[in-house]
Amino acid sequence: MKKHLMGLVCGLLNGMFGSGGGVAAVPMLEGSGLEAKKSHATSVALIFVLSIATTISYLMGDKLDFQMAWQYVPYGVAGAVVGAVLLKRMPNSLLRRVFGVIILAAAVRILVK
């Protein structure tokens, strides 16, 4: 898939679903030839930039509750650090399975709810 289309899809999903672009970015990056761990790490960097743009857009549209968001930030940062450490230690085959299970669980939750 062409890089400009990949970026557009990731940005669209991120804007609509809040960092949902990572769900699309990982498989697309792997399809571009990156190995699984680099795809996940690269996806985080991509989504970071997209999340800043999305945050600004939501802030300008008065759709953002910073007070609520900041309640989650310390725990999110701790989880991000633990996740990055685990990613380094996790075999690629297990990483793909865990990622797949999370995607399927999210899909089932969305469809059932």
C-alpha atoms as a PDB file:
ATOM      1  CA  MET A   1       0.000   0.000   0.000  1.00  0.00           C
ATOM      2  CA  LYS A   2       1.342   3.436  -0.856  1.00  0.00           C
ATOM      3  CA  LYS A   3       2.685   5.473   2.032  1.00  0.00           C
ATOM      4  CA  HIS A   4       0.393   8.448   1.460  1.00  0.00           C
ATOM      5  CA  LEU A   5      -2.676   6.208   1.544  1.00  0.00           C
ATOM      6  CA  MET A   6      -1.372   4.440   4.652  1.00  0.00           C
ATOM      7  CA  GLY A   7      -0.844   7.785   6.387  1.00  0.00           C
ATOM      8  CA  LEU A   8      -4.316   8.959   5.392  1.00  0.00           C
ATOM      9  CA  VAL A   9      -5.984   5.794   6.724  1.00  0.00           C
ATOM     10  CA  CYS A  10      -4.037   5.955   9.999  1.00  0.00           C
ATOM     11  CA  GLY A  11      -4.835   9.644  10.471  1.00  0.00           C
ATOM     12  CA  LEU A  12      -8.513   9.109   9.668  1.00  0.00           C
ATOM     13  CA  LEU A  13      -8.823   6.258  12.161  1.00  0.00           C
ATOM     14  CA  ASN A  14      -6.880   8.195  14.784  1.00  0.00           C
ATOM     15  CA  GLY A  15      -9.104  11.223  14.365  1.00  0.00           C
ATOM     16  CA  MET A  16     -12.299   9.196  14.518  1.00  0.00           C
ATOM     17  CA  PHE A  17     -11.444   6.626  17.159  1.00  0.00           C
ATOM     18  CA  GLY A  18      -8.592   8.067  19.227  1.00  0.00           C
ATOM     19  CA  SER A  19      -5.314   6.330  18.392  1.00  0.00           C
ATOM     20  CA  GLY A  20      -7.186   3.709  16.384  1.00  0.00           C
ATOM     21  CA  GLY A  21      -4.709   4.403  13.617  1.00  0.00           C
ATOM     22  CA  GLY A  22      -2.243   2.060  15.284  1.00  0.00           C
ATOM     23  CA  VAL A  23      -4.534  -0.838  14.507  1.00  0.00           C
ATOM     24  CA  ALA A  24      -4.102  -0.064  10.813  1.00  0.00           C
ATOM     25  CA  ALA A  25      -0.494   1.108  11.006  1.00  0.00           C
ATOM     26  CA  VAL A  26       0.999  -2.108  12.392  1.00  0.00           C
ATOM     27  CA  PRO A  27      -0.224  -4.423   9.607  1.00  0.00           C
ATOM     28  CA  MET A  28       0.579  -1.817   6.961  1.00  0.00           C
ATOM     29  CA  LEU A  29       4.105  -1.331   8.300  1.00  0.00           C
ATOM     30  CA  GLU A  30       4.625  -5.087   8.419  1.00  0.00           C
ATOM     31  CA  GLY A  31       3.340  -5.254   4.838  1.00  0.00           C
ATOM     32  CA  SER A  32       5.982  -2.659   3.922  1.00  0.00           C
ATOM     33  CA  GLY A  33       8.669  -5.036   5.121  1.00  0.00           C
ATOM     34  CA  LEU A  34       9.276  -4.031   8.738  1.00  0.00           C
ATOM     35  CA  GLU A  35       9.521  -6.859  11.240  1.00  0.00           C
ATOM     36  CA  ALA A  36       6.827  -7.050  13.926  1.00  0.00           C
ATOM     37  CA  LYS A  37       8.609  -5.277  16.795  1.00  0.00           C
ATOM     38  CA  LYS A  38       9.788  -2.422  14.590  1.00  0.00           C
ATOM     39  CA  SER A  39       6.283  -2.127  13.144  1.00  0.00           C
ATOM     40  CA  HIS A  40       4.763  -1.763  16.612  1.00  0.00           C
ATOM     41  CA  ALA A  41       7.409   0.735  17.755  1.00  0.00           C
ATOM     42  CA  THR A  42       7.176   2.741  14.522  1.00  0.00           C
ATOM     43  CA  SER A  43       3.405   2.763  14.835  1.00  0.00           C
ATOM     44  CA  VAL A  44       3.704   4.364  18.277  1.00  0.00           C
ATOM     45  CA  ALA A  45       5.860   7.164  16.853  1.00  0.00           C
ATOM     46  CA  LEU A  46       3.406   7.698  13.989  1.00  0.00           C
ATOM     47  CA  ILE A  47       0.389   7.727  16.289  1.00  0.00           C
ATOM     48  CA  PHE A  48       2.137  10.142  18.666  1.00  0.00           C
ATOM     49  CA  VAL A  49       2.327  12.773  15.938  1.00  0.00           C
ATOM     50  CA  LEU A  50      -1.200  12.018  14.702  1.00  0.00           C
ATOM     51  CA  SER A  51      -2.517  12.234  18.273  1.00  0.00           C
ATOM     52  CA  ILE A  52      -1.053  15.712  18.678  1.00  0.00           C
ATOM     53  CA  ALA A  53      -2.843  16.844  15.513  1.00  0.00           C
ATOM     54  CA  THR A  54      -6.072  15.169  16.627  1.00  0.00           C
ATOM     55  CA  THR A  55      -5.805  16.712  20.108  1.00  0.00           C
ATOM     56  CA  ILE A  56      -5.419  20.189  18.631  1.00  0.00           C
ATOM     57  CA  SER A  57      -8.423  19.612  16.383  1.00  0.00           C
ATOM     58  CA  TYR A  58     -10.589  18.409  19.270  1.00  0.00           C
ATOM     59  CA  LEU A  59      -9.371  21.256  21.478  1.00  0.00           C
ATOM     60  CA  MET A  60     -10.328  23.834  18.838  1.00  0.00           C
ATOM     61  CA  GLY A  61     -13.753  22.197  18.515  1.00  0.00           C
ATOM     62  CA  ASP A  62     -14.294  22.258  22.291  1.00  0.00           C
ATOM     63  CA  LYS A  63     -14.621  18.460  22.364  1.00  0.00           C
ATOM     64  CA  LEU A  64     -11.818  17.750  24.827  1.00  0.00           C
ATOM     65  CA  ASP A  65     -12.033  17.266  28.594  1.00  0.00           C
ATOM     66  CA  PHE A  66      -8.469  17.813  29.823  1.00  0.00           C
ATOM     67  CA  GLN A  67      -9.459  17.339  33.459  1.00  0.00           C
ATOM     68  CA  MET A  68     -10.700  13.824  32.705  1.00  0.00           C
ATOM     69  CA  ALA A  69      -7.734  13.027  30.446  1.00  0.00           C
ATOM     70  CA  TRP A  70      -5.131  14.037  33.038  1.00  0.00           C
ATOM     71  CA  GLN A  71      -6.578  11.555  35.526  1.00  0.00           C
ATOM     72  CA  TYR A  72      -5.393   8.745  33.234  1.00  0.00           C
ATOM     73  CA  VAL A  73      -2.026  10.172  32.185  1.00  0.00           C
ATOM     74  CA  PRO A  74       0.182   8.897  35.062  1.00  0.00           C
ATOM     75  CA  TYR A  75      -1.175   5.372  34.729  1.00  0.00           C
ATOM     76  CA  GLY A  76      -0.979   5.518  30.953  1.00  0.00           C
ATOM     77  CA  VAL A  77       2.666   6.563  31.105  1.00  0.00           C
ATOM     78  CA  ALA A  78       3.443   3.722  33.519  1.00  0.00           C
ATOM     79  CA  GLY A  79       1.644   1.257  31.253  1.00  0.00           C
ATOM     80  CA  ALA A  80       3.494   2.598  28.200  1.00  0.00           C
ATOM     81  CA  VAL A  81       6.875   2.071  29.853  1.00  0.00           C
ATOM     82  CA  VAL A  82       5.960  -1.474  30.930  1.00  0.00           C
ATOM     83  CA  GLY A  83       4.590  -2.190  27.446  1.00  0.00           C
ATOM     84  CA  ALA A  84       7.798  -0.976  25.772  1.00  0.00           C
ATOM     85  CA  VAL A  85       9.905  -3.185  28.055  1.00  0.00           C
ATOM     86  CA  LEU A  86       7.652  -6.191  27.362  1.00  0.00           C
ATOM     87  CA  LEU A  87       7.784  -5.569  23.600  1.00  0.00           C
ATOM     88  CA  LYS A  88      11.583  -5.833  23.665  1.00  0.00           C
ATOM     89  CA  ARG A  89      11.406  -9.205  25.420  1.00  0.00           C
ATOM     90  CA  MET A  90       8.437 -10.746  23.603  1.00  0.00           C
ATOM     91  CA  PRO A  91       9.039 -13.104  20.683  1.00  0.00           C
ATOM     92  CA  ASN A  92       7.545 -11.865  17.397  1.00  0.00           C
ATOM     93  CA  SER A  93       5.264 -14.903  17.133  1.00  0.00           C
ATOM     94  CA  LEU A  94       3.745 -14.220  20.567  1.00  0.00           C
ATOM     95  CA  LEU A  95       3.484 -10.505  19.778  1.00  0.00           C
ATOM     96  CA  ARG A  96       1.428 -11.248  16.650  1.00  0.00           C
ATOM     97  CA  ARG A  97      -0.884 -13.580  18.579  1.00  0.00           C
ATOM     98  CA  VAL A  98      -1.418 -11.131  21.449  1.00  0.00           C
ATOM     99  CA  PHE A  99      -2.057  -8.285  19.000  1.00  0.00           C
ATOM    100  CA  GLY A 100      -4.537 -10.451  17.091  1.00  0.00           C
ATOM    101  CA  VAL A 101      -6.405 -11.438  20.251  1.00  0.00           C
ATOM    102  CA  ILE A 102      -6.657  -7.798  21.339  1.00  0.00           C
ATOM    103  CA  ILE A 103      -7.981  -6.760  17.927  1.00  0.00           C
ATOM    104  CA  LEU A 104     -10.535  -9.588  17.947  1.00  0.00           C
ATOM    105  CA  ALA A 105     -11.617  -8.812  21.511  1.00  0.00           C
ATOM    106  CA  ALA A 106     -12.094  -5.151  20.605  1.00  0.00           C
ATOM    107  CA  ALA A 107     -14.096  -6.109  17.531  1.00  0.00           C
ATOM    108  CA  VAL A 108     -16.358  -8.442  19.510  1.00  0.00           C
ATOM    109  CA  ARG A 109     -16.872  -5.777  22.173  1.00  0.00           C
ATOM    110  CA  ILE A 110     -17.839  -3.209  19.563  1.00  0.00           C
ATOM    111  CA  LEU A 111     -20.179  -5.574  17.727  1.00  0.00           C
ATOM    112  CA  VAL A 112     -21.886  -6.853  20.879  1.00  0.00           C
ATOM    113  CA  LYS A 113     -22.311  -3.512  22.591  1.00  0.00           C
END
